[in-house]
Amino acid sequence: MGDSNMVPSESEWIIMEIFWESGEALTSAEVIQRLKGRLEMTPKMVRVLMNRLCQKGILGYTRDEKDARVYHYSVLKPKEECLKSKSQRFVDSYFSGNQNMALASLIQSVDLTDEQINELENILERRKGNQRK
């Protein structure tokens, strides 16, 4: 998939967690404040990463009505969408885009309970049913 460069990096992901948790628009100063204890990074670096997130289309911003130097950043891409892209990038980079191999490898490497195996079988059965439509 071509959107793998639209996936947040690890540091960007931590910044996005703050937005996803807050559910509201935040200024860079507010983000820097909330990052304390989570990510040791200079305010300048946080702003650079937020700018990258805007370029990737994950964050958007508006200027403050009273102070044009203040930007209010908000989420454009929900967490679920970013997780999906992240999973796709993982499959692309480790399994040359082969989802079957990725899935088989993952299932074989994890210790599953009978209950989890049944749940997987149910998911596969439902998928099979949807394919026939």
Protein backbone atom coordinates (compact mmCIF):
# COMPACT_ATOMS: atom_id res chain seq x y z
CA MET A 1 0.00 0.00 0.00
CA GLY A 2 1.25 3.48 -0.82
CA ASP A 3 0.15 5.14 2.41
CA SER A 4 2.81 3.55 4.63
CA ASN A 5 4.62 6.91 4.79
CA MET A 6 1.39 8.31 6.27
CA VAL A 7 1.87 6.19 9.41
CA PRO A 8 3.10 8.04 12.51
CA SER A 9 6.64 7.20 13.68
CA GLU A 10 7.04 5.95 17.27
CA SER A 11 7.58 9.47 18.66
CA GLU A 12 4.73 10.86 16.57
CA TRP A 13 2.51 8.02 17.81
CA ILE A 14 3.08 9.11 21.44
CA ILE A 15 2.03 12.64 20.47
CA MET A 16 -1.06 11.26 18.72
CA GLU A 17 -1.99 9.24 21.82
CA ILE A 18 -2.36 12.58 23.62
CA PHE A 19 -4.73 13.86 20.94
CA TRP A 20 -6.73 10.63 20.78
CA GLU A 21 -7.07 10.58 24.59
CA SER A 22 -8.07 14.23 24.86
CA GLY A 23 -10.55 14.22 22.00
CA GLU A 24 -10.16 17.98 21.58
CA ALA A 25 -7.99 20.53 19.78
CA LEU A 26 -4.71 21.30 21.55
CA THR A 27 -1.94 23.87 21.14
CA SER A 28 1.68 22.73 20.93
CA ALA A 29 2.24 24.16 24.44
CA GLU A 30 -0.58 21.95 25.78
CA VAL A 31 0.87 18.90 24.04
CA ILE A 32 4.36 19.64 25.42
CA GLN A 33 2.85 19.94 28.91
CA ARG A 34 1.01 16.59 28.60
CA LEU A 35 4.09 14.84 27.21
CA LYS A 36 6.03 15.40 30.43
CA GLY A 37 6.98 12.04 31.89
CA ARG A 38 6.05 10.20 28.68
CA LEU A 39 8.59 11.48 26.23
CA GLU A 40 11.75 13.44 26.95
CA MET A 41 11.96 15.81 24.04
CA THR A 42 12.68 19.49 23.46
CA PRO A 43 9.67 21.72 22.74
CA LYS A 44 11.23 22.47 19.33
CA MET A 45 11.34 18.75 18.46
CA VAL A 46 7.70 18.28 19.55
CA ARG A 47 6.70 21.12 17.20
CA VAL A 48 8.70 19.55 14.35
CA LEU A 49 6.91 16.22 14.88
CA MET A 50 3.51 17.93 15.05
CA ASN A 51 4.33 19.67 11.78
CA ARG A 52 5.19 16.28 10.24
CA LEU A 53 1.87 14.88 11.47
CA CYS A 54 0.14 17.76 9.65
CA GLN A 55 2.10 16.98 6.46
CA LYS A 56 1.02 13.33 6.75
CA GLY A 57 -2.62 14.43 7.03
CA ILE A 58 -3.00 12.96 10.52
CA LEU A 59 -3.30 16.33 12.28
CA GLY A 60 -4.90 19.53 11.06
CA TYR A 61 -4.72 23.02 12.54
CA THR A 62 -6.45 26.36 12.77
CA ARG A 63 -4.96 29.68 13.86
CA ASP A 64 -6.14 31.32 17.04
CA GLU A 65 -8.58 34.18 16.39
CA LYS A 66 -6.87 36.42 18.95
CA ASP A 67 -3.22 35.44 18.37
CA ALA A 68 -2.15 34.33 14.87
CA ARG A 69 1.06 32.81 16.33
CA VAL A 70 -0.99 30.21 18.22
CA TYR A 71 -2.12 27.11 16.34
CA HIS A 72 -4.87 24.77 17.52
CA TYR A 73 -4.17 21.24 16.31
CA SER A 74 -6.86 18.61 15.90
CA VAL A 75 -7.08 14.97 14.77
CA LEU A 76 -7.88 14.27 11.12
CA LYS A 77 -7.27 10.51 11.20
CA PRO A 78 -8.80 8.33 13.91
CA LYS A 79 -6.61 5.88 15.83
CA GLU A 80 -8.27 2.87 14.15
CA GLU A 81 -7.25 4.15 10.71
CA CYS A 82 -3.65 4.72 11.84
CA LEU A 83 -3.53 1.24 13.42
CA LYS A 84 -4.74 -0.26 10.14
CA SER A 85 -2.02 1.58 8.20
CA LYS A 86 0.58 0.55 10.79
CA SER A 87 -0.43 -3.13 10.45
CA GLN A 88 -0.28 -2.85 6.67
CA ARG A 89 3.21 -1.31 6.85
CA PHE A 90 4.32 -4.16 9.12
CA VAL A 91 3.02 -6.75 6.64
CA ASP A 92 4.61 -4.89 3.72
CA SER A 93 8.02 -4.56 5.34
CA TYR A 94 8.35 -7.98 7.00
CA PHE A 95 6.39 -10.23 4.66
CA SER A 96 6.72 -8.43 1.29
CA GLY A 97 3.03 -7.61 1.45
CA ASN A 98 2.01 -11.27 1.82
CA GLN A 99 -0.84 -11.08 4.35
CA ASN A 100 -1.34 -14.86 4.47
CA MET A 101 2.28 -15.45 5.45
CA ALA A 102 2.10 -12.67 8.05
CA LEU A 103 -1.08 -14.10 9.55
CA ALA A 104 0.23 -17.68 9.58
CA SER A 105 3.51 -16.58 11.16
CA LEU A 106 1.72 -14.55 13.81
CA ILE A 107 -0.69 -17.37 14.70
CA GLN A 108 2.15 -19.91 14.95
CA SER A 109 4.27 -17.65 17.17
CA VAL A 110 1.58 -16.91 19.77
CA ASP A 111 0.42 -19.30 22.49
CA LEU A 112 -3.34 -19.44 22.05
CA THR A 113 -5.92 -20.87 24.43
CA ASP A 114 -8.67 -23.13 23.06
CA GLU A 115 -11.05 -20.23 23.59
CA GLN A 116 -8.87 -17.90 21.47
CA ILE A 117 -8.55 -20.55 18.75
CA ASN A 118 -12.36 -20.91 18.69
CA GLU A 119 -12.71 -17.13 18.42
CA LEU A 120 -10.27 -17.08 15.47
CA GLU A 121 -12.22 -19.90 13.81
CA ASN A 122 -15.45 -17.93 14.27
CA ILE A 123 -13.87 -14.82 12.73
CA LEU A 124 -12.66 -16.86 9.75
CA GLU A 125 -16.09 -18.48 9.31
CA ARG A 126 -17.74 -15.03 9.31
CA ARG A 127 -15.19 -13.78 6.76
CA LYS A 128 -15.87 -16.85 4.60
CA GLY A 129 -19.59 -16.08 4.73
CA ASN A 130 -18.98 -12.46 3.70
CA GLN A 131 -16.77 -13.50 0.76
CA ARG A 132 -19.61 -15.51 -0.81
CA LYS A 133 -22.02 -12.58 -1.00
